[in-house]
Amino acid sequence: MHGLLESQIKMKRVTLIRHGVTIANLKKFYAGATDLPLAPEGERQAEALAKRVKAMRPDKILSSPLKRAQDTARIATSGINLDIELDNDLREVDFGKWENKSYSELVRDYKEEVDRWFSWDPDFGFPDGESYKGFSKRVRGVMEMIVDEEADSLIVFTHGGVIGHLMCLILGLGFQNQFSLLAPPASFVTLEQNNGALELKESRWETGSGN
């Protein structure tokens, strides 16, 4: 009975880390499915994360299969003797024809579709890309996976859209709030899970520099 009680009250820590900066971030292009590497600045950001990540003492590391997330994970966990496990559901949303375009280009060429996107039309889909419903279903699956994960300290390297959507689910907010919850590149947020519920440990984004 004592062991059962301990397992019931045991707290799990989950850290969500957005990849370091890419050329698309610097140029303010939409790049979801496009498999971009880190920019040199992004590599330096990942290096700055390493000390913070090691202090988290993870016992499981997950990453999106996209290069920018994998490279951030590889650099930031270089001092940790754990394999990086790839999960395809952690990839960023596929913007389809909107990939590698700026907001001004989208407004010029796809004004009606952009208006539907920002009105959070549940039936919206990116042209030749992922549907909003499909992305939301995928991220809900990620949250269920995190809740069910047995690791005591789980670190997840993923993308801004995935983290923003997850934060809305965890905080019980409408998805129209996800842009206000967008994680800066190479920043992280820590969650704690107690008796099945995920809660924010810190209500701000943290970086490798401690800011």
N, C-alpha and C. Protein backbone atom coordinates (compact mmCIF):
# COMPACT_ATOMS: atom_id res chain seq x y z
N MET A 1 0.84 -1.21 0.00
CA MET A 1 0.00 0.00 0.00
C MET A 1 0.87 1.26 0.00
N HIS A 2 1.98 1.19 0.77
CA HIS A 2 2.86 2.35 0.83
C HIS A 2 3.42 2.69 -0.56
N GLY A 3 3.84 1.63 -1.32
CA GLY A 3 4.37 1.85 -2.66
C GLY A 3 3.32 2.42 -3.58
N LEU A 4 2.09 1.96 -3.47
CA LEU A 4 1.01 2.46 -4.30
C LEU A 4 0.77 3.94 -4.02
N LEU A 5 0.78 4.31 -2.74
CA LEU A 5 0.57 5.71 -2.37
C LEU A 5 1.66 6.59 -2.96
N GLU A 6 2.92 6.11 -2.91
CA GLU A 6 4.02 6.88 -3.46
C GLU A 6 3.84 7.10 -4.96
N SER A 7 3.38 6.06 -5.68
CA SER A 7 3.20 6.20 -7.12
C SER A 7 2.08 7.16 -7.44
N GLN A 8 1.09 7.23 -6.55
CA GLN A 8 -0.04 8.12 -6.80
C GLN A 8 0.33 9.59 -6.62
N ILE A 9 1.24 9.88 -5.70
CA ILE A 9 1.57 11.28 -5.42
C ILE A 9 2.85 11.74 -6.14
N LYS A 10 3.49 10.81 -6.86
CA LYS A 10 4.73 11.15 -7.54
C LYS A 10 4.48 12.22 -8.61
N MET A 11 5.33 13.23 -8.65
CA MET A 11 5.16 14.33 -9.59
C MET A 11 6.12 14.17 -10.76
N LYS A 12 5.63 14.43 -11.95
CA LYS A 12 6.42 14.34 -13.16
C LYS A 12 6.67 15.74 -13.71
N ARG A 13 7.86 15.94 -14.25
CA ARG A 13 8.20 17.22 -14.85
C ARG A 13 8.34 17.05 -16.36
N VAL A 14 7.73 17.96 -17.10
CA VAL A 14 7.78 17.95 -18.56
C VAL A 14 8.29 19.32 -19.02
N THR A 15 9.32 19.33 -19.84
CA THR A 15 9.87 20.58 -20.35
C THR A 15 9.70 20.62 -21.86
N LEU A 16 9.00 21.65 -22.34
CA LEU A 16 8.79 21.85 -23.77
C LEU A 16 9.79 22.89 -24.27
N ILE A 17 10.60 22.52 -25.25
CA ILE A 17 11.64 23.41 -25.76
C ILE A 17 11.42 23.66 -27.25
N ARG A 18 11.36 24.94 -27.62
CA ARG A 18 11.28 25.27 -29.05
C ARG A 18 12.69 25.28 -29.63
N HIS A 19 12.80 24.84 -30.86
CA HIS A 19 14.09 24.81 -31.56
C HIS A 19 14.71 26.21 -31.66
N GLY A 20 16.01 26.24 -31.91
CA GLY A 20 16.71 27.50 -32.10
C GLY A 20 16.32 28.17 -33.41
N VAL A 21 16.79 29.38 -33.60
CA VAL A 21 16.36 30.20 -34.73
C VAL A 21 16.87 29.64 -36.06
N THR A 22 16.05 29.80 -37.10
CA THR A 22 16.39 29.40 -38.46
C THR A 22 16.37 30.63 -39.36
N ILE A 23 16.80 30.44 -40.60
CA ILE A 23 16.77 31.56 -41.55
C ILE A 23 15.34 32.03 -41.79
N ALA A 24 14.38 31.11 -41.73
CA ALA A 24 12.97 31.50 -41.91
C ALA A 24 12.50 32.38 -40.76
N ASN A 25 12.93 32.06 -39.54
CA ASN A 25 12.59 32.91 -38.39
C ASN A 25 13.17 34.31 -38.58
N LEU A 26 14.42 34.36 -39.01
CA LEU A 26 15.09 35.65 -39.17
C LEU A 26 14.46 36.49 -40.27
N LYS A 27 14.01 35.83 -41.33
CA LYS A 27 13.39 36.55 -42.45
C LYS A 27 11.87 36.68 -42.30
N LYS A 28 11.34 36.09 -41.22
CA LYS A 28 9.90 36.15 -40.93
C LYS A 28 9.07 35.49 -42.04
N PHE A 29 9.52 34.29 -42.44
CA PHE A 29 8.77 33.47 -43.37
C PHE A 29 8.06 32.36 -42.60
N TYR A 30 6.95 31.89 -43.13
CA TYR A 30 6.27 30.73 -42.55
C TYR A 30 6.96 29.47 -43.07
N ALA A 31 7.51 28.69 -42.17
CA ALA A 31 8.17 27.44 -42.55
C ALA A 31 7.76 26.38 -41.54
N GLY A 32 6.83 25.54 -41.94
CA GLY A 32 6.36 24.48 -41.05
C GLY A 32 6.97 23.15 -41.44
N ALA A 33 6.51 22.59 -42.56
CA ALA A 33 7.01 21.29 -43.02
C ALA A 33 8.37 21.40 -43.69
N THR A 34 8.76 22.60 -44.11
CA THR A 34 10.08 22.78 -44.74
C THR A 34 11.16 22.40 -43.75
N ASP A 35 12.06 21.50 -44.17
CA ASP A 35 13.03 20.93 -43.23
C ASP A 35 14.31 21.76 -43.20
N LEU A 36 14.25 22.87 -42.51
CA LEU A 36 15.38 23.80 -42.43
C LEU A 36 16.33 23.44 -41.30
N PRO A 37 17.64 23.64 -41.50
CA PRO A 37 18.59 23.50 -40.39
C PRO A 37 18.57 24.75 -39.53
N LEU A 38 19.27 24.70 -38.42
CA LEU A 38 19.45 25.88 -37.60
C LEU A 38 20.35 26.89 -38.30
N ALA A 39 20.07 28.16 -38.10
CA ALA A 39 21.01 29.21 -38.49
C ALA A 39 22.17 29.19 -37.49
N PRO A 40 23.32 29.78 -37.82
CA PRO A 40 24.43 29.82 -36.85
C PRO A 40 24.00 30.38 -35.49
N GLU A 41 23.14 31.39 -35.50
CA GLU A 41 22.63 31.92 -34.23
C GLU A 41 21.83 30.87 -33.48
N GLY A 42 21.08 30.05 -34.21
CA GLY A 42 20.31 28.98 -33.58
C GLY A 42 21.19 27.93 -32.94
N GLU A 43 22.32 27.63 -33.57
CA GLU A 43 23.27 26.68 -32.99
C GLU A 43 23.83 27.23 -31.68
N ARG A 44 24.14 28.52 -31.66
CA ARG A 44 24.64 29.14 -30.42
C ARG A 44 23.56 29.12 -29.34
N GLN A 45 22.31 29.34 -29.73
CA GLN A 45 21.22 29.28 -28.76
C GLN A 45 21.11 27.88 -28.16
N ALA A 46 21.25 26.86 -29.00
CA ALA A 46 21.17 25.48 -28.52
C ALA A 46 22.32 25.17 -27.56
N GLU A 47 23.51 25.67 -27.87
CA GLU A 47 24.65 25.49 -26.98
C GLU A 47 24.39 26.14 -25.63
N ALA A 48 23.76 27.31 -25.65
CA ALA A 48 23.46 28.01 -24.40
C ALA A 48 22.44 27.26 -23.55
N LEU A 49 21.63 26.41 -24.19
CA LEU A 49 20.63 25.63 -23.45
C LEU A 49 21.24 24.45 -22.70
N ALA A 50 22.42 24.00 -23.13
CA ALA A 50 22.96 22.73 -22.65
C ALA A 50 23.06 22.64 -21.13
N LYS A 51 23.55 23.68 -20.49
CA LYS A 51 23.71 23.65 -19.03
C LYS A 51 22.36 23.55 -18.34
N ARG A 52 21.37 24.30 -18.82
CA ARG A 52 20.03 24.25 -18.22
C ARG A 52 19.40 22.87 -18.40
N VAL A 53 19.58 22.32 -19.60
CA VAL A 53 18.98 21.01 -19.89
C VAL A 53 19.62 19.92 -19.02
N LYS A 54 20.93 19.96 -18.87
CA LYS A 54 21.60 18.95 -18.04
C LYS A 54 21.11 19.01 -16.60
N ALA A 55 20.86 20.22 -16.10
CA ALA A 55 20.38 20.39 -14.73
C ALA A 55 18.98 19.82 -14.54
N MET A 56 18.24 19.64 -15.63
CA MET A 56 16.89 19.06 -15.53
C MET A 56 16.93 17.55 -15.27
N ARG A 57 18.09 16.95 -15.47
CA ARG A 57 18.29 15.51 -15.23
C ARG A 57 17.20 14.68 -15.91
N PRO A 58 17.08 14.82 -17.22
CA PRO A 58 16.03 14.08 -17.93
C PRO A 58 16.28 12.58 -17.93
N ASP A 59 15.21 11.81 -17.97
CA ASP A 59 15.36 10.38 -18.20
C ASP A 59 14.69 9.94 -19.50
N LYS A 60 14.17 10.92 -20.25
CA LYS A 60 13.70 10.64 -21.61
C LYS A 60 13.71 11.94 -22.40
N ILE A 61 14.14 11.84 -23.66
CA ILE A 61 14.21 13.00 -24.55
C ILE A 61 13.49 12.67 -25.84
N LEU A 62 12.53 13.50 -26.20
CA LEU A 62 11.78 13.35 -27.44
C LEU A 62 12.05 14.55 -28.34
N SER A 63 11.97 14.32 -29.65
CA SER A 63 12.17 15.43 -30.59
C SER A 63 11.31 15.23 -31.83
N SER A 64 10.90 16.35 -32.40
CA SER A 64 10.36 16.36 -33.75
C SER A 64 11.45 15.84 -34.69
N PRO A 65 11.06 15.17 -35.78
CA PRO A 65 12.08 14.69 -36.73
C PRO A 65 12.66 15.77 -37.63
N LEU A 66 12.10 16.98 -37.62
CA LEU A 66 12.63 18.04 -38.48
C LEU A 66 14.01 18.50 -37.99
N LYS A 67 14.89 18.83 -38.93
CA LYS A 67 16.29 19.11 -38.62
C LYS A 67 16.47 20.15 -37.53
N ARG A 68 15.71 21.22 -37.61
CA ARG A 68 15.92 22.32 -36.65
C ARG A 68 15.65 21.88 -35.22
N ALA A 69 14.69 20.99 -35.04
CA ALA A 69 14.41 20.47 -33.69
C ALA A 69 15.44 19.42 -33.30
N GLN A 70 15.74 18.50 -34.23
CA GLN A 70 16.73 17.46 -33.95
C GLN A 70 18.09 18.07 -33.61
N ASP A 71 18.51 19.07 -34.39
CA ASP A 71 19.82 19.69 -34.15
C ASP A 71 19.84 20.41 -32.80
N THR A 72 18.74 21.08 -32.46
CA THR A 72 18.66 21.72 -31.15
C THR A 72 18.79 20.68 -30.05
N ALA A 73 18.08 19.57 -30.21
CA ALA A 73 18.13 18.50 -29.21
C ALA A 73 19.53 17.91 -29.11
N ARG A 74 20.16 17.66 -30.25
CA ARG A 74 21.49 17.05 -30.25
C ARG A 74 22.51 17.95 -29.55
N ILE A 75 22.49 19.24 -29.87
CA ILE A 75 23.45 20.17 -29.28
C ILE A 75 23.15 20.39 -27.79
N ALA A 76 21.89 20.59 -27.46
CA ALA A 76 21.52 20.92 -26.08
C ALA A 76 21.67 19.75 -25.13
N THR A 77 21.68 18.51 -25.65
CA THR A 77 21.80 17.33 -24.78
C THR A 77 23.14 16.62 -24.98
N SER A 78 24.12 17.33 -25.53
CA SER A 78 25.40 16.69 -25.85
C SER A 78 26.10 16.11 -24.63
N GLY A 79 25.82 16.64 -23.44
CA GLY A 79 26.46 16.13 -22.23
C GLY A 79 25.63 15.10 -21.49
N ILE A 80 24.58 14.59 -22.14
CA ILE A 80 23.66 13.65 -21.49
C ILE A 80 23.70 12.33 -22.23
N ASN A 81 23.85 11.24 -21.51
CA ASN A 81 23.95 9.92 -22.12
C ASN A 81 22.57 9.29 -22.31
N LEU A 82 21.78 9.91 -23.18
CA LEU A 82 20.46 9.40 -23.52
C LEU A 82 20.24 9.52 -25.02
N ASP A 83 19.54 8.55 -25.58
CA ASP A 83 19.17 8.64 -26.99
C ASP A 83 18.05 9.66 -27.16
N ILE A 84 18.03 10.31 -28.31
CA ILE A 84 16.93 11.22 -28.66
C ILE A 84 15.92 10.43 -29.47
N GLU A 85 14.73 10.30 -28.96
CA GLU A 85 13.67 9.54 -29.64
C GLU A 85 12.84 10.49 -30.49
N LEU A 86 12.64 10.14 -31.75
CA LEU A 86 11.90 10.98 -32.68
C LEU A 86 10.42 10.60 -32.69
N ASP A 87 9.57 11.61 -32.71
CA ASP A 87 8.13 11.41 -32.75
C ASP A 87 7.56 12.30 -33.85
N ASN A 88 7.00 11.69 -34.87
CA ASN A 88 6.52 12.44 -36.02
C ASN A 88 5.39 13.40 -35.67
N ASP A 89 4.64 13.11 -34.61
CA ASP A 89 3.54 13.98 -34.22
C ASP A 89 4.02 15.31 -33.64
N LEU A 90 5.31 15.41 -33.34
CA LEU A 90 5.87 16.65 -32.79
C LEU A 90 6.27 17.64 -33.88
N ARG A 91 6.12 17.27 -35.15
CA ARG A 91 6.51 18.17 -36.24
C ARG A 91 5.59 19.39 -36.30
N GLU A 92 6.08 20.45 -36.92
CA GLU A 92 5.30 21.68 -37.05
C GLU A 92 4.17 21.48 -38.06
N VAL A 93 3.17 22.37 -38.00
CA VAL A 93 2.07 22.33 -38.95
C VAL A 93 2.60 22.51 -40.38
N ASP A 94 1.96 21.84 -41.32
CA ASP A 94 2.33 21.95 -42.73
C ASP A 94 1.53 23.10 -43.36
N PHE A 95 2.22 24.17 -43.73
CA PHE A 95 1.55 25.34 -44.32
C PHE A 95 1.24 25.18 -45.81
N GLY A 96 1.63 24.06 -46.41
CA GLY A 96 1.31 23.82 -47.81
C GLY A 96 1.90 24.88 -48.73
N LYS A 97 1.04 25.50 -49.56
CA LYS A 97 1.50 26.53 -50.51
C LYS A 97 2.02 27.78 -49.80
N TRP A 98 1.74 27.89 -48.51
CA TRP A 98 2.19 29.07 -47.78
C TRP A 98 3.61 28.93 -47.24
N GLU A 99 4.21 27.76 -47.41
CA GLU A 99 5.56 27.55 -46.92
C GLU A 99 6.53 28.56 -47.54
N ASN A 100 7.38 29.12 -46.68
CA ASN A 100 8.45 30.04 -47.10
C ASN A 100 7.93 31.33 -47.72
N LYS A 101 6.74 31.75 -47.29
CA LYS A 101 6.18 33.03 -47.71
C LYS A 101 6.03 33.93 -46.48
N SER A 102 6.10 35.22 -46.70
CA SER A 102 5.93 36.19 -45.62
C SER A 102 4.45 36.49 -45.42
N TYR A 103 4.14 37.10 -44.29
CA TYR A 103 2.74 37.46 -44.03
C TYR A 103 2.21 38.41 -45.10
N SER A 104 3.03 39.38 -45.51
CA SER A 104 2.57 40.34 -46.53
C SER A 104 2.28 39.64 -47.85
N GLU A 105 3.05 38.63 -48.19
CA GLU A 105 2.78 37.86 -49.41
C GLU A 105 1.48 37.09 -49.29
N LEU A 106 1.23 36.53 -48.12
CA LEU A 106 -0.01 35.78 -47.92
C LEU A 106 -1.23 36.69 -48.02
N VAL A 107 -1.15 37.86 -47.40
CA VAL A 107 -2.28 38.80 -47.46
C VAL A 107 -2.52 39.24 -48.89
N ARG A 108 -1.46 39.41 -49.64
CA ARG A 108 -1.59 39.83 -51.04
C ARG A 108 -2.21 38.74 -51.91
N ASP A 109 -1.76 37.49 -51.71
CA ASP A 109 -2.15 36.41 -52.62
C ASP A 109 -3.29 35.54 -52.11
N TYR A 110 -3.52 35.55 -50.78
CA TYR A 110 -4.52 34.64 -50.19
C TYR A 110 -5.35 35.36 -49.13
N LYS A 111 -5.80 36.55 -49.42
CA LYS A 111 -6.47 37.38 -48.41
C LYS A 111 -7.65 36.66 -47.77
N GLU A 112 -8.50 36.03 -48.56
CA GLU A 112 -9.68 35.37 -48.02
C GLU A 112 -9.31 34.22 -47.10
N GLU A 113 -8.31 33.43 -47.52
CA GLU A 113 -7.87 32.30 -46.69
C GLU A 113 -7.22 32.77 -45.39
N VAL A 114 -6.44 33.86 -45.47
CA VAL A 114 -5.81 34.41 -44.26
C VAL A 114 -6.88 34.87 -43.27
N ASP A 115 -7.92 35.52 -43.77
CA ASP A 115 -9.01 35.97 -42.90
C ASP A 115 -9.68 34.78 -42.22
N ARG A 116 -9.86 33.69 -42.94
CA ARG A 116 -10.46 32.48 -42.34
C ARG A 116 -9.54 31.91 -41.27
N TRP A 117 -8.24 31.92 -41.54
CA TRP A 117 -7.28 31.40 -40.56
C TRP A 117 -7.37 32.18 -39.26
N PHE A 118 -7.34 33.51 -39.36
CA PHE A 118 -7.33 34.33 -38.15
C PHE A 118 -8.70 34.49 -37.51
N SER A 119 -9.73 34.00 -38.17
CA SER A 119 -11.05 33.95 -37.52
C SER A 119 -11.25 32.59 -36.84
N TRP A 120 -10.23 31.71 -36.94
CA TRP A 120 -10.25 30.39 -36.33
C TRP A 120 -11.45 29.57 -36.80
N ASP A 121 -11.68 29.64 -38.11
CA ASP A 121 -12.68 28.80 -38.75
C ASP A 121 -12.26 27.34 -38.56
N PRO A 122 -13.07 26.52 -37.87
CA PRO A 122 -12.67 25.14 -37.58
C PRO A 122 -12.50 24.28 -38.84
N ASP A 123 -13.08 24.72 -39.95
CA ASP A 123 -12.97 23.96 -41.20
C ASP A 123 -11.84 24.45 -42.09
N PHE A 124 -11.03 25.38 -41.58
CA PHE A 124 -9.94 25.93 -42.37
C PHE A 124 -8.83 24.89 -42.56
N GLY A 125 -8.23 24.93 -43.75
CA GLY A 125 -7.05 24.12 -44.02
C GLY A 125 -6.06 24.94 -44.83
N PHE A 126 -4.77 24.79 -44.57
CA PHE A 126 -3.77 25.51 -45.35
C PHE A 126 -3.77 24.96 -46.78
N PRO A 127 -3.76 25.81 -47.80
CA PRO A 127 -3.83 25.34 -49.19
C PRO A 127 -2.76 24.29 -49.50
N ASP A 128 -3.21 23.10 -49.87
CA ASP A 128 -2.33 21.95 -50.14
C ASP A 128 -1.50 21.56 -48.92
N GLY A 129 -1.94 21.96 -47.74
CA GLY A 129 -1.21 21.64 -46.51
C GLY A 129 -2.11 20.92 -45.52
N GLU A 130 -1.84 21.13 -44.25
CA GLU A 130 -2.55 20.43 -43.18
C GLU A 130 -3.83 21.17 -42.82
N SER A 131 -4.87 20.42 -42.51
CA SER A 131 -6.10 21.05 -42.05
C SER A 131 -5.96 21.46 -40.59
N TYR A 132 -6.73 22.46 -40.20
CA TYR A 132 -6.69 22.90 -38.81
C TYR A 132 -7.15 21.78 -37.88
N LYS A 133 -8.20 21.07 -38.29
CA LYS A 133 -8.70 19.97 -37.47
C LYS A 133 -7.65 18.86 -37.35
N GLY A 134 -6.96 18.59 -38.45
CA GLY A 134 -5.94 17.54 -38.42
C GLY A 134 -4.79 17.89 -37.49
N PHE A 135 -4.34 19.15 -37.56
CA PHE A 135 -3.26 19.59 -36.68
C PHE A 135 -3.69 19.54 -35.23
N SER A 136 -4.89 20.02 -34.94
CA SER A 136 -5.39 20.03 -33.57
C SER A 136 -5.51 18.62 -33.02
N LYS A 137 -5.99 17.69 -33.84
CA LYS A 137 -6.10 16.29 -33.41
C LYS A 137 -4.73 15.72 -33.11
N ARG A 138 -3.76 16.04 -33.95
CA ARG A 138 -2.40 15.54 -33.75
C ARG A 138 -1.81 16.07 -32.44
N VAL A 139 -2.00 17.36 -32.16
CA VAL A 139 -1.44 17.93 -30.94
C VAL A 139 -2.16 17.40 -29.70
N ARG A 140 -3.45 17.15 -29.81
CA ARG A 140 -4.15 16.51 -28.68
C ARG A 140 -3.55 15.14 -28.39
N GLY A 141 -3.17 14.44 -29.45
CA GLY A 141 -2.51 13.15 -29.27
C GLY A 141 -1.17 13.30 -28.56
N VAL A 142 -0.45 14.38 -28.87
CA VAL A 142 0.82 14.66 -28.19
C VAL A 142 0.58 14.87 -26.70
N MET A 143 -0.45 15.64 -26.36
CA MET A 143 -0.74 15.88 -24.95
C MET A 143 -1.09 14.58 -24.23
N GLU A 144 -1.86 13.73 -24.87
CA GLU A 144 -2.21 12.45 -24.25
C GLU A 144 -0.97 11.59 -24.07
N MET A 145 -0.06 11.63 -25.04
CA MET A 145 1.19 10.88 -24.92
C MET A 145 2.01 11.39 -23.75
N ILE A 146 2.09 12.72 -23.60
CA ILE A 146 2.85 13.30 -22.49
C ILE A 146 2.25 12.90 -21.15
N VAL A 147 0.93 12.96 -21.05
CA VAL A 147 0.26 12.60 -19.79
C VAL A 147 0.52 11.15 -19.43
N ASP A 148 0.53 10.27 -20.44
CA ASP A 148 0.70 8.84 -20.19
C ASP A 148 2.16 8.43 -20.03
N GLU A 149 3.09 9.29 -20.40
CA GLU A 149 4.51 8.96 -20.34
C GLU A 149 4.94 8.70 -18.90
N GLU A 150 5.73 7.65 -18.70
CA GLU A 150 6.14 7.25 -17.36
C GLU A 150 7.42 7.91 -16.89
N ALA A 151 8.15 8.57 -17.77
CA ALA A 151 9.40 9.21 -17.37
C ALA A 151 9.14 10.29 -16.31
N ASP A 152 10.04 10.38 -15.33
CA ASP A 152 9.90 11.39 -14.28
C ASP A 152 10.28 12.78 -14.77
N SER A 153 11.25 12.84 -15.68
CA SER A 153 11.67 14.12 -16.25
C SER A 153 11.76 13.96 -17.76
N LEU A 154 10.78 14.49 -18.45
CA LEU A 154 10.66 14.35 -19.90
C LEU A 154 10.97 15.69 -20.56
N ILE A 155 11.84 15.67 -21.56
CA ILE A 155 12.15 16.88 -22.32
C ILE A 155 11.69 16.67 -23.76
N VAL A 156 10.96 17.65 -24.29
CA VAL A 156 10.38 17.56 -25.62
C VAL A 156 10.87 18.73 -26.46
N PHE A 157 11.59 18.44 -27.55
CA PHE A 157 12.06 19.46 -28.48
C PHE A 157 11.09 19.52 -29.66
N THR A 158 10.46 20.66 -29.85
CA THR A 158 9.43 20.75 -30.88
C THR A 158 9.37 22.16 -31.45
N HIS A 159 8.19 22.61 -31.84
CA HIS A 159 8.02 23.82 -32.64
C HIS A 159 7.04 24.80 -32.00
N GLY A 160 7.09 26.04 -32.46
CA GLY A 160 6.25 27.09 -31.88
C GLY A 160 4.77 26.81 -31.96
N GLY A 161 4.31 26.34 -33.13
CA GLY A 161 2.88 26.05 -33.28
C GLY A 161 2.41 24.93 -32.39
N VAL A 162 3.22 23.89 -32.26
CA VAL A 162 2.87 22.76 -31.41
C VAL A 162 2.81 23.20 -29.95
N ILE A 163 3.82 23.94 -29.50
CA ILE A 163 3.85 24.39 -28.11
C ILE A 163 2.68 25.33 -27.82
N GLY A 164 2.41 26.27 -28.72
CA GLY A 164 1.29 27.20 -28.51
C GLY A 164 -0.03 26.47 -28.39
N HIS A 165 -0.24 25.48 -29.25
CA HIS A 165 -1.49 24.71 -29.22
C HIS A 165 -1.58 23.90 -27.93
N LEU A 166 -0.45 23.29 -27.54
CA LEU A 166 -0.43 22.54 -26.28
C LEU A 166 -0.75 23.44 -25.09
N MET A 167 -0.19 24.64 -25.08
CA MET A 167 -0.42 25.55 -23.96
C MET A 167 -1.89 25.92 -23.86
N CYS A 168 -2.55 26.13 -25.00
CA CYS A 168 -3.99 26.42 -24.97
C CYS A 168 -4.77 25.26 -24.37
N LEU A 169 -4.40 24.03 -24.76
CA LEU A 169 -5.08 22.86 -24.21
C LEU A 169 -4.86 22.75 -22.71
N ILE A 170 -3.63 22.95 -22.28
CA ILE A 170 -3.29 22.80 -20.86
C ILE A 170 -3.94 23.88 -20.01
N LEU A 171 -3.98 25.10 -20.53
CA LEU A 171 -4.54 26.23 -19.77
C LEU A 171 -6.04 26.38 -19.96
N GLY A 172 -6.62 25.56 -20.83
CA GLY A 172 -8.07 25.65 -21.06
C GLY A 172 -8.48 26.90 -21.81
N LEU A 173 -7.60 27.37 -22.70
CA LEU A 173 -7.88 28.59 -23.46
C LEU A 173 -8.32 28.25 -24.88
N GLY A 174 -9.04 29.16 -25.51
CA GLY A 174 -9.39 29.00 -26.91
C GLY A 174 -8.14 29.08 -27.77
N PHE A 175 -8.17 28.39 -28.91
CA PHE A 175 -6.97 28.33 -29.74
C PHE A 175 -6.61 29.66 -30.37
N GLN A 176 -7.53 30.62 -30.35
CA GLN A 176 -7.19 31.96 -30.85
C GLN A 176 -6.13 32.63 -29.99
N ASN A 177 -5.85 32.06 -28.81
CA ASN A 177 -4.83 32.61 -27.91
C ASN A 177 -3.43 32.08 -28.19
N GLN A 178 -3.29 31.13 -29.12
CA GLN A 178 -1.99 30.48 -29.24
C GLN A 178 -0.90 31.41 -29.75
N PHE A 179 -1.25 32.43 -30.55
CA PHE A 179 -0.21 33.35 -31.02
C PHE A 179 0.35 34.18 -29.86
N SER A 180 -0.47 34.48 -28.87
CA SER A 180 0.02 35.22 -27.71
C SER A 180 0.86 34.33 -26.80
N LEU A 181 0.81 33.02 -27.03
CA LEU A 181 1.58 32.06 -26.23
C LEU A 181 2.76 31.51 -27.02
N LEU A 182 3.12 32.17 -28.12
CA LEU A 182 4.19 31.66 -28.97
C LEU A 182 5.54 31.73 -28.26
N ALA A 183 6.21 30.60 -28.20
CA ALA A 183 7.52 30.54 -27.55
C ALA A 183 8.59 31.13 -28.45
N PRO A 184 9.46 32.00 -27.93
CA PRO A 184 10.60 32.47 -28.72
C PRO A 184 11.52 31.30 -29.07
N PRO A 185 12.30 31.40 -30.14
CA PRO A 185 13.24 30.33 -30.46
C PRO A 185 14.18 30.02 -29.29
N ALA A 186 14.43 28.72 -29.10
CA ALA A 186 15.34 28.23 -28.05
C ALA A 186 14.91 28.62 -26.64
N SER A 187 13.62 28.76 -26.44
CA SER A 187 13.10 29.00 -25.09
C SER A 187 12.33 27.76 -24.64
N PHE A 188 12.06 27.70 -23.35
CA PHE A 188 11.36 26.53 -22.84
C PHE A 188 10.39 26.91 -21.74
N VAL A 189 9.45 26.03 -21.52
CA VAL A 189 8.50 26.18 -20.42
C VAL A 189 8.42 24.84 -19.70
N THR A 190 8.30 24.87 -18.39
CA THR A 190 8.26 23.65 -17.59
C THR A 190 6.87 23.42 -17.04
N LEU A 191 6.41 22.19 -17.21
CA LEU A 191 5.11 21.76 -16.69
C LEU A 191 5.33 20.71 -15.62
N GLU A 192 4.41 20.65 -14.69
CA GLU A 192 4.42 19.58 -13.70
C GLU A 192 3.11 18.83 -13.76
N GLN A 193 3.20 17.52 -13.65
CA GLN A 193 2.01 16.69 -13.69
C GLN A 193 1.84 16.00 -12.34
N ASN A 194 0.70 16.22 -11.75
CA ASN A 194 0.38 15.61 -10.46
C ASN A 194 -1.01 15.00 -10.54
N ASN A 195 -1.09 13.69 -10.33
CA ASN A 195 -2.37 12.98 -10.44
C ASN A 195 -3.05 13.22 -11.79
N GLY A 196 -2.25 13.20 -12.85
CA GLY A 196 -2.80 13.26 -14.20
C GLY A 196 -2.96 14.63 -14.80
N ALA A 197 -2.93 15.68 -14.00
CA ALA A 197 -3.17 17.04 -14.52
C ALA A 197 -1.84 17.75 -14.79
N LEU A 198 -1.71 18.35 -15.97
CA LEU A 198 -0.53 19.13 -16.30
C LEU A 198 -0.74 20.58 -15.90
N GLU A 199 0.24 21.15 -15.22
CA GLU A 199 0.15 22.54 -14.78
C GLU A 199 1.46 23.25 -15.06
N LEU A 200 1.37 24.56 -15.28
CA LEU A 200 2.57 25.36 -15.48
C LEU A 200 3.35 25.49 -14.19
N LYS A 201 4.66 25.21 -14.26
CA LYS A 201 5.51 25.46 -13.09
C LYS A 201 5.94 26.93 -13.08
N GLU A 202 6.29 27.44 -14.26
CA GLU A 202 6.66 28.84 -14.41
C GLU A 202 5.77 29.45 -15.49
N SER A 203 5.31 30.67 -15.29
CA SER A 203 4.40 31.29 -16.24
C SER A 203 5.13 32.17 -17.25
N ARG A 204 6.40 31.87 -17.49
CA ARG A 204 7.16 32.66 -18.46
C ARG A 204 8.09 31.74 -19.23
N TRP A 205 8.49 32.19 -20.41
CA TRP A 205 9.46 31.44 -21.20
C TRP A 205 10.84 31.66 -20.62
N GLU A 206 11.63 30.60 -20.56
CA GLU A 206 13.00 30.69 -20.08
C GLU A 206 13.94 30.35 -21.23
N THR A 207 15.19 30.80 -21.12
CA THR A 207 16.19 30.55 -22.16
C THR A 207 17.45 29.99 -21.53
N GLY A 208 18.41 29.67 -22.39
CA GLY A 208 19.67 29.14 -21.89
C GLY A 208 20.42 30.12 -21.02
N SER A 209 20.17 31.41 -21.20
CA SER A 209 20.85 32.43 -20.39
C SER A 209 20.19 32.63 -19.04
N GLY A 210 19.03 31.97 -18.86
CA GLY A 210 18.31 32.11 -17.60
C GLY A 210 17.28 33.21 -17.61
N ASN A 211 17.12 33.93 -18.73
CA ASN A 211 16.15 35.02 -18.83
C ASN A 211 14.76 34.50 -19.18
